[in-house]
Protein backbone atom coordinates (compact mmCIF):
# COMPACT_ATOMS: atom_id res chain seq x y z
CA MET A 1 29.62 29.74 100.40
CA GLN A 2 31.82 29.10 97.42
CA VAL A 3 33.43 32.05 95.74
CA GLY A 4 34.29 32.36 92.08
CA ARG A 5 37.71 31.60 90.71
CA ARG A 6 40.09 33.92 92.47
CA ARG A 7 42.31 36.21 90.47
CA LEU A 8 45.34 34.11 89.65
CA ARG A 9 47.98 35.93 91.49
CA VAL A 10 51.66 36.58 91.93
CA ARG A 11 52.88 35.89 95.43
CA LEU A 12 56.36 36.16 96.85
CA ILE A 13 57.39 33.34 99.17
CA PRO A 14 60.64 32.61 100.98
CA ALA A 15 63.80 31.65 99.12
CA GLY A 16 64.38 27.93 99.03
CA LEU A 17 60.81 27.20 98.02
CA ALA A 18 60.34 29.39 94.97
CA CYS A 19 60.61 32.98 93.81
CA ALA A 20 57.21 33.91 92.41
CA LEU A 21 53.95 32.50 91.23
CA VAL A 22 53.31 32.42 87.49
CA LEU A 23 50.15 30.73 86.28
CA ALA A 24 50.79 28.10 83.63
CA VAL A 25 47.35 28.25 82.02
CA SER A 26 44.37 30.52 81.72
CA PRO A 27 40.79 29.21 81.46
CA ALA A 28 40.62 30.23 77.80
CA SER A 29 43.82 28.47 76.85
CA ALA A 30 42.74 25.39 78.78
CA MET A 31 39.49 25.13 76.84
CA ALA A 32 41.31 25.55 73.55
CA SER A 33 43.67 22.71 74.45
CA GLY A 34 40.99 20.07 74.72
CA ALA A 35 42.63 19.06 78.00
CA VAL A 36 43.14 15.44 76.98
CA SER A 37 45.08 13.36 79.49
CA ALA A 38 48.16 11.66 78.04
CA ASP A 39 49.05 9.77 81.21
CA GLY A 40 52.67 10.80 81.07
CA GLY A 41 52.98 11.63 77.41
CA ALA A 42 52.37 15.32 78.03
CA ARG A 43 55.46 15.84 80.13
CA VAL A 44 58.96 14.47 79.84
CA ALA A 45 60.99 14.97 82.99
CA ALA A 46 64.37 14.88 81.26
CA GLY A 47 65.61 18.01 79.53
CA PRO A 48 65.70 21.58 80.78
CA THR A 49 62.90 22.77 78.53
CA GLY A 50 60.30 20.28 79.77
CA SER A 51 59.62 19.02 76.24
CA ARG A 52 56.28 17.37 75.51
CA VAL A 53 55.30 14.45 73.35
CA ALA A 54 51.94 13.19 72.11
CA ALA A 55 50.34 10.04 73.47
CA ASP A 56 47.38 7.76 72.77
CA ALA A 57 44.25 9.29 74.29
CA LYS A 58 42.68 5.81 74.39
CA LEU A 59 45.28 4.52 76.82
CA ILE A 60 43.23 5.08 79.98
CA ALA A 61 40.12 3.40 78.57
CA THR A 62 42.07 0.40 77.29
CA ASN A 63 43.84 -0.02 80.60
CA ALA A 64 40.52 0.03 82.46
CA LYS A 65 39.06 -2.68 80.18
CA LEU A 66 42.08 -4.92 80.71
CA GLN A 67 41.99 -4.34 84.48
CA ALA A 68 38.31 -5.30 84.56
CA ILE A 69 39.22 -8.70 83.15
CA ALA A 70 42.53 -9.28 84.87
CA GLU A 71 41.97 -8.26 88.51
CA PRO A 72 38.81 -10.32 89.26
CA ARG A 73 40.53 -13.40 87.84
CA GLY A 74 43.64 -13.13 89.99
CA ALA A 75 46.23 -11.45 87.76
CA ILE A 76 48.97 -9.61 89.61
CA GLY A 77 48.62 -6.53 87.43
CA VAL A 78 48.22 -4.85 84.03
CA TYR A 79 50.96 -2.52 82.83
CA TRP A 80 52.14 -0.49 79.86
CA ASP A 81 55.33 -1.84 78.27
CA GLN A 82 57.06 1.33 77.12
CA ALA A 83 59.73 -0.54 75.12
CA ARG A 84 57.24 -2.69 73.24
CA GLY A 85 54.55 -0.03 72.97
CA GLY A 86 51.81 -2.33 74.22
CA PHE A 87 50.14 -3.73 77.31
CA GLY A 88 51.34 -6.60 79.42
CA VAL A 89 49.62 -8.69 82.06
CA LEU A 90 51.59 -10.30 84.89
CA ILE A 91 50.10 -13.49 86.35
CA PRO A 92 51.18 -15.66 89.30
CA ALA A 93 53.10 -18.89 88.73
CA SER A 94 50.47 -20.96 90.52
CA GLY A 95 46.99 -20.74 91.95
CA ARG A 96 44.27 -18.30 91.04
CA GLY A 97 45.16 -16.26 87.97
CA SER A 98 47.93 -18.57 86.76
CA THR A 99 45.88 -19.95 83.84
CA LEU A 100 45.12 -16.57 82.26
CA SER A 101 46.31 -16.23 78.65
CA ALA A 102 46.20 -13.66 75.86
CA THR A 103 42.98 -15.18 74.56
CA ASP A 104 41.20 -14.08 77.74
CA PHE A 105 41.73 -10.48 76.63
CA ARG A 106 40.70 -10.81 73.00
CA ALA A 107 37.52 -8.75 73.61
CA VAL A 108 39.78 -5.71 74.13
CA ASP A 109 41.06 -4.26 70.88
CA THR A 110 44.76 -4.15 71.75
CA SER A 111 47.85 -6.33 71.74
CA VAL A 112 48.42 -8.04 75.10
CA VAL A 113 51.38 -10.13 76.22
CA VAL A 114 50.86 -12.32 79.28
CA HIS A 115 53.90 -13.02 81.48
CA THR A 116 54.22 -15.47 84.37
CA SER A 117 55.85 -14.03 87.48
CA THR A 118 59.15 -15.50 88.64
CA VAL A 119 58.46 -14.47 92.25
CA PRO A 120 57.42 -17.60 94.20
CA GLN A 121 53.91 -17.65 95.63
CA ALA A 122 55.39 -18.36 99.05
CA THR A 123 57.22 -15.04 98.88
CA LEU A 124 54.14 -13.15 97.72
CA ASP A 125 52.12 -14.66 100.57
CA GLY A 126 54.80 -14.46 103.25
CA ILE A 127 56.53 -11.11 102.97
CA GLY A 128 53.54 -9.02 104.09
CA PRO A 129 52.74 -10.86 107.33
CA MET A 130 56.42 -10.95 108.33
CA LEU A 131 56.98 -7.24 107.84
CA GLN A 132 53.64 -6.23 109.36
CA ALA A 133 54.34 -8.22 112.51
CA ARG A 134 57.74 -6.53 112.89
CA ASP A 135 58.87 -9.24 115.31
CA PHE A 136 61.62 -10.80 113.20
CA HIS A 137 64.30 -8.91 115.17
CA PRO A 138 64.25 -7.28 118.64
CA ALA A 139 64.79 -3.84 117.07
CA ALA A 140 62.39 -4.31 114.13
CA ARG A 141 59.65 -2.11 115.61
CA LYS A 142 61.98 0.91 115.69
CA TYR A 143 61.94 1.16 111.90
CA SER A 144 59.62 1.57 108.92
CA TYR A 145 59.00 -0.81 106.02
CA GLY A 146 57.42 -0.50 102.60
CA TRP A 147 57.00 -3.17 99.97
CA HIS A 148 55.39 -3.66 96.59
CA HIS A 149 55.43 -5.98 93.63
CA ASN A 150 56.79 -3.98 90.69
CA VAL A 151 54.53 -5.32 87.97
CA VAL A 152 56.57 -3.69 85.21
CA ASN A 153 59.80 -5.61 85.88
CA ASP A 154 58.41 -8.40 88.09
CA THR A 155 60.41 -7.56 91.20
CA LEU A 156 59.20 -7.75 94.80
CA VAL A 157 60.79 -4.67 96.39
CA VAL A 158 61.22 -4.16 100.13
CA GLU A 159 62.40 -0.75 101.40
CA THR A 160 63.40 0.15 104.91
CA ASP A 161 65.40 2.52 107.11
CA ALA A 162 66.36 -0.43 109.32
CA PRO A 163 70.07 -1.33 109.56
CA TYR A 164 71.43 -4.20 107.53
CA ASP A 165 71.71 -6.52 110.52
CA VAL A 166 68.08 -5.99 111.56
CA MET A 167 66.96 -7.22 108.13
CA ALA A 168 69.06 -10.40 108.33
CA PRO A 169 66.08 -12.70 109.15
CA VAL A 170 64.14 -11.32 106.18
CA ARG A 171 67.08 -11.90 103.84
CA GLU A 172 67.57 -15.39 105.18
CA LYS A 173 63.94 -16.35 104.68
CA PHE A 174 63.33 -14.90 101.23
CA GLY A 175 66.82 -14.66 99.74
CA SER A 176 67.06 -13.56 96.14
CA THR A 177 63.27 -13.66 95.65
CA ILE A 178 63.09 -10.10 97.05
CA THR A 179 65.09 -6.92 96.46
CA ILE A 180 65.84 -4.93 99.64
CA ARG A 181 66.63 -1.22 99.31
CA TYR A 182 67.99 0.64 102.30
CA GLY A 183 67.23 4.34 102.80
CA ALA A 184 64.85 6.86 104.37
CA THR A 185 61.39 5.25 104.63
CA GLY A 186 58.19 6.50 106.25
CA LEU A 187 55.32 8.96 105.91
CA SER A 188 55.78 12.10 103.89
CA ARG A 189 54.55 15.33 105.52
CA ARG A 190 53.70 26.17 99.52
CA LEU A 191 53.41 28.44 102.73
CA ALA A 192 50.62 31.03 102.93
CA ASP A 193 47.84 29.94 100.57
CA PRO A 194 44.76 32.19 100.82
CA GLU A 195 41.20 31.33 99.85
CA PRO A 196 40.13 29.72 97.67
CA HIS A 197 42.78 27.13 98.46
CA TRP A 198 44.77 25.18 95.87
CA GLY A 199 46.35 21.75 95.88
CA GLY A 200 50.06 21.39 96.61
CA ALA A 201 50.02 24.02 99.37
CA GLY A 202 51.35 23.45 102.87
CA TRP A 203 49.05 23.16 105.88
CA ARG A 204 49.23 22.07 109.50
CA PRO A 205 46.73 20.95 112.14
CA GLN A 206 46.25 23.61 114.81
CA GLY A 207 48.53 23.23 117.81
CA THR A 208 50.93 20.75 116.20
CA GLN A 209 54.23 20.77 114.35
CA THR A 210 52.91 18.41 111.67
CA ILE A 211 53.20 19.73 108.10
CA CYS A 212 51.29 18.26 105.16
CA SER A 213 50.23 19.28 101.65
CA THR A 214 46.80 19.78 100.13
CA GLY A 215 45.80 17.46 97.28
CA PHE A 216 42.86 18.16 94.99
CA THR A 217 39.63 20.14 95.25
CA VAL A 218 36.72 17.71 95.08
CA GLN A 219 32.95 17.89 95.35
CA SER A 220 30.08 15.80 96.66
CA ALA A 221 26.98 14.90 94.64
CA SER A 222 25.31 18.02 96.04
CA GLY A 223 28.17 20.23 94.84
CA ALA A 224 29.73 20.91 98.25
CA ARG A 225 33.49 21.41 97.91
CA PHE A 226 36.26 19.87 99.95
CA MET A 227 40.04 19.50 99.82
CA LEU A 228 41.40 15.95 99.59
CA THR A 229 44.56 15.18 101.55
CA ALA A 230 46.26 12.38 103.52
CA GLY A 231 44.47 10.79 106.46
CA HIS A 232 47.55 10.44 108.64
CA CYS A 233 47.97 14.22 108.72
CA ALA A 234 45.27 14.98 111.30
CA PRO A 235 42.42 13.36 113.26
CA PHE A 236 38.72 13.88 112.62
CA LEU A 237 37.53 17.46 113.35
CA ALA A 238 41.09 18.83 113.60
CA THR A 239 41.39 22.49 112.53
CA ALA A 240 43.74 23.23 109.63
CA PHE A 241 45.71 26.40 108.88
CA SER A 242 48.34 27.46 106.37
CA ILE A 243 51.94 27.14 107.53
CA SER A 244 52.44 30.92 107.37
CA ASP A 245 50.05 33.86 107.87
CA GLY A 246 47.35 31.75 109.50
CA TYR A 247 44.96 31.25 106.59
CA TYR A 248 42.07 28.99 107.63
CA PHE A 249 41.91 25.77 105.60
CA GLY A 250 38.88 24.29 107.36
CA LEU A 251 38.22 21.23 109.51
CA VAL A 252 38.79 17.54 108.88
CA VAL A 253 35.12 16.84 108.14
CA SER A 254 35.51 13.28 106.91
CA ARG A 255 38.23 10.69 107.44
CA ALA A 256 38.28 7.19 105.97
CA PRO A 257 39.10 4.28 108.32
CA PHE A 258 42.82 4.56 109.05
CA PRO A 259 45.14 2.82 108.30
CA THR A 260 42.97 0.80 105.88
CA TYR A 261 42.84 4.02 103.86
CA ASP A 262 45.02 7.13 104.18
CA ILE A 263 42.64 9.84 102.97
CA GLU A 264 40.58 12.63 104.52
CA LEU A 265 38.63 15.72 103.49
CA LEU A 266 39.04 19.31 104.69
CA GLY A 267 35.82 21.35 104.60
CA GLY A 268 34.46 24.68 105.78
CA SER A 269 36.68 26.98 103.72
CA THR A 270 36.75 27.70 99.97
CA TYR A 271 38.64 25.61 97.43
CA GLN A 272 39.49 25.87 93.72
CA GLY A 273 40.39 23.26 91.08
CA VAL A 274 44.00 24.41 90.72
CA ILE A 275 47.30 22.94 91.95
CA TYR A 276 50.70 24.50 92.50
CA THR A 277 53.39 23.33 90.08
CA GLY A 278 56.97 24.40 89.33
CA ALA A 279 60.14 22.45 90.06
CA PRO A 280 62.83 23.56 92.53
CA GLY A 281 64.83 26.46 91.11
CA GLN A 282 62.02 27.47 88.77
CA ALA A 283 59.34 30.14 89.19
CA GLU A 284 56.40 28.72 91.09
CA SER A 285 53.48 28.14 88.76
CA ALA A 286 50.02 26.60 88.78
CA ALA A 287 47.74 24.54 86.57
CA PHE A 288 44.01 23.96 86.33
CA VAL A 289 42.76 20.43 86.98
CA ALA A 290 40.98 18.94 83.96
CA GLY A 291 39.92 15.49 85.15
CA ALA A 292 40.71 12.47 87.28
CA GLY A 293 41.25 8.72 87.06
CA ASP A 294 43.62 5.96 88.10
CA ALA A 295 47.22 5.68 86.92
CA VAL A 296 48.34 3.24 84.22
CA LEU A 297 51.05 0.92 85.48
CA GLY A 298 54.18 1.23 83.36
CA TYR A 299 53.56 4.76 82.15
CA PRO A 300 56.72 6.73 82.95
CA ASN A 301 55.90 10.44 83.26
CA TYR A 302 53.70 11.09 86.28
CA CYS A 303 54.27 14.12 88.51
CA ARG A 304 53.62 15.10 92.10
CA SER A 305 53.66 18.40 93.99
CA GLY A 306 54.13 19.27 97.65
CA ILE A 307 55.31 21.88 100.12
CA THR A 308 58.74 20.27 100.57
CA SER A 309 59.73 18.76 97.22
CA LEU A 310 57.73 21.20 95.05
CA GLU A 311 57.01 19.65 91.64
CA GLN A 312 58.77 16.44 90.73
CA CYS A 313 58.13 14.43 87.54
CA GLY A 314 59.46 11.33 85.86
CA HIS A 315 57.63 8.83 88.07
CA THR A 316 56.68 5.43 86.62
CA ALA A 317 53.63 3.73 88.13
CA THR A 318 54.63 0.20 89.12
CA SER A 319 51.99 -1.40 91.39
CA TYR A 320 48.48 -1.12 92.86
CA SER A 321 49.32 -3.36 95.81
CA GLY A 322 51.94 -1.42 97.77
CA VAL A 323 51.95 -1.64 101.56
CA LEU A 324 53.62 0.90 103.89
CA CYS A 325 54.30 0.12 107.55
CA SER A 326 55.68 3.23 109.22
CA VAL A 327 57.01 3.55 112.73
CA GLU A 328 54.90 6.75 112.84
CA VAL A 329 51.69 4.73 112.49
CA PRO A 330 51.16 2.51 115.54
CA GLU A 331 47.68 1.59 114.28
CA GLY A 332 49.19 -0.70 111.63
CA CYS A 333 50.13 -0.83 107.97
CA ILE A 334 48.56 1.04 105.05
CA PRO A 335 47.65 -1.44 102.26
CA GLY A 336 46.47 -1.17 98.65
CA LEU A 337 48.74 1.70 97.69
CA LEU A 338 49.81 2.85 94.24
CA THR A 339 53.61 2.84 93.94
CA THR A 340 55.99 4.60 91.58
CA GLU A 341 59.68 4.38 90.85
CA GLY A 342 61.95 6.82 89.03
CA GLY A 343 62.33 10.47 89.89
CA LEU A 344 62.84 11.78 93.42
CA THR A 345 60.91 10.30 96.32
CA SER A 346 58.64 12.41 98.51
CA ARG A 347 59.86 14.08 101.70
CA PRO A 348 58.25 14.99 105.03
CA GLY A 349 55.61 17.65 104.35
CA ASP A 350 54.66 16.24 100.93
CA SER A 351 51.98 13.93 102.36
CA GLY A 352 48.54 14.57 100.91
CA GLY A 353 49.96 16.43 97.92
CA PRO A 354 48.64 15.86 94.39
CA PHE A 355 49.89 13.09 92.09
CA TYR A 356 48.93 13.74 88.49
CA VAL A 357 49.62 13.58 84.76
CA TYR A 358 49.76 16.52 82.35
CA SER A 359 47.33 16.82 79.44
CA VAL A 360 48.70 16.25 75.94
CA ASP A 361 49.16 20.00 75.46
CA GLY A 362 51.00 20.29 78.78
CA LEU A 363 48.70 23.03 80.11
CA THR A 364 46.34 21.26 82.50
CA VAL A 365 46.62 18.24 84.77
CA HIS A 366 44.59 15.14 85.57
CA ALA A 367 44.42 13.78 89.11
CA ARG A 368 45.75 10.28 89.70
CA GLY A 369 46.12 10.16 93.50
CA THR A 370 47.66 11.69 96.61
CA VAL A 371 51.08 11.28 98.21
CA ILE A 372 51.32 9.06 101.29
CA GLY A 373 54.97 8.24 101.87
CA HIS A 374 58.19 6.90 100.43
CA GLY A 375 60.89 4.27 100.51
CA ALA A 376 64.48 4.49 99.34
CA THR A 377 63.45 4.72 95.67
CA THR A 378 59.65 4.34 95.76
CA ASN A 379 56.73 6.70 96.26
CA TYR A 380 53.61 5.32 97.97
CA LEU A 381 50.32 6.95 97.01
CA GLN A 382 46.60 6.58 97.56
CA ARG A 383 44.82 5.96 94.25
CA TRP A 384 42.26 8.49 93.01
CA GLY A 385 39.68 5.73 92.56
CA THR A 386 39.94 4.72 96.19
CA ALA A 387 39.12 8.24 97.41
CA ALA A 388 36.38 8.76 94.83
CA GLN A 389 34.64 5.54 95.80
CA TRP A 390 34.98 5.85 99.56
CA PHE A 391 33.84 9.49 99.86
CA GLY A 392 31.50 9.52 96.84
CA ILE A 393 33.32 12.50 95.36
CA SER A 394 34.28 13.81 91.93
CA ILE A 395 37.07 16.14 90.83
CA VAL A 396 36.33 19.88 90.49
CA VAL A 397 36.91 21.20 86.95
CA GLU A 398 36.36 24.95 86.49
CA PHE A 399 36.85 25.74 82.81
């Protein structure tokens, strides 16, 4: 049985995570705001005051129209060019998609610039199989690898925790056509969150030391509520509890095929359309969720929240085609991931946490995905649309 919205509360939690909980928005103020998603324009990461700017509310719709034309015809990606203030489309140098031009997008009422990628097709086709096989060096299987094509600056980025010498065969084969970044790479994993549960809280499968974060409260067509999180956190029917105080989070009642997808649903407890916010060193806060959709590539002010990193903003969405091969996942690589650059990368415990954009007024948030893992400078995330389509769910909005 679902309960009504719980009294938004103040809770003390251990030092190092936060000091107290202060709600950022009330239902009344959220309704007055209009809760329009700005996809980044509502929150600027730089500056101690968290200043806000206005943004075009049509951005999401325009992006979707361009994607509907570009993706089926083989374009690499559609992105927002912040410097130019318009959309760009990146196409391959040869093969399917290479003949697209600006005229193909004339049905969409916006200025579009089409760019041809400088990354050779052989690199685009070859980097994935080589890294997934992990047989290019005797020690290759000891390490994790993530890669994505940054559509915004047309760079194929490979990230790994492997030593420089292990990556020598990859450098020799692809040379300057890829950018390798060395640093912590792998899966990412608040303390005692009572019912109804919120996103951005910490949880663990019973009997394990694994720590993950809750994502967003969602609902089925019948109105049954669940909590969306990362699929690598726990197997089907695992029992979930809060990290402290033993609050029951439910069971893993549905899990998409892993590692094709990295998403699962917790069910059997109560859940509310609220996520924890608040950056390190600030009072812990929370925000109501006002909607959901996919991220716009090139938009620079996305945020994420999790038990380890707390709230981090300033992330620029860069690709829909990220792949993460982690030494922690023997089943294989996780494909089709949203990637971001800029801002701090996720840390163990952040997996499953919410990835979102603030509304124009800065009071509510809009879901854009869930945290999966990280590279040296990149976050890897599961897109909202992927979860919505696979599970047949919608976001819970309670105001």
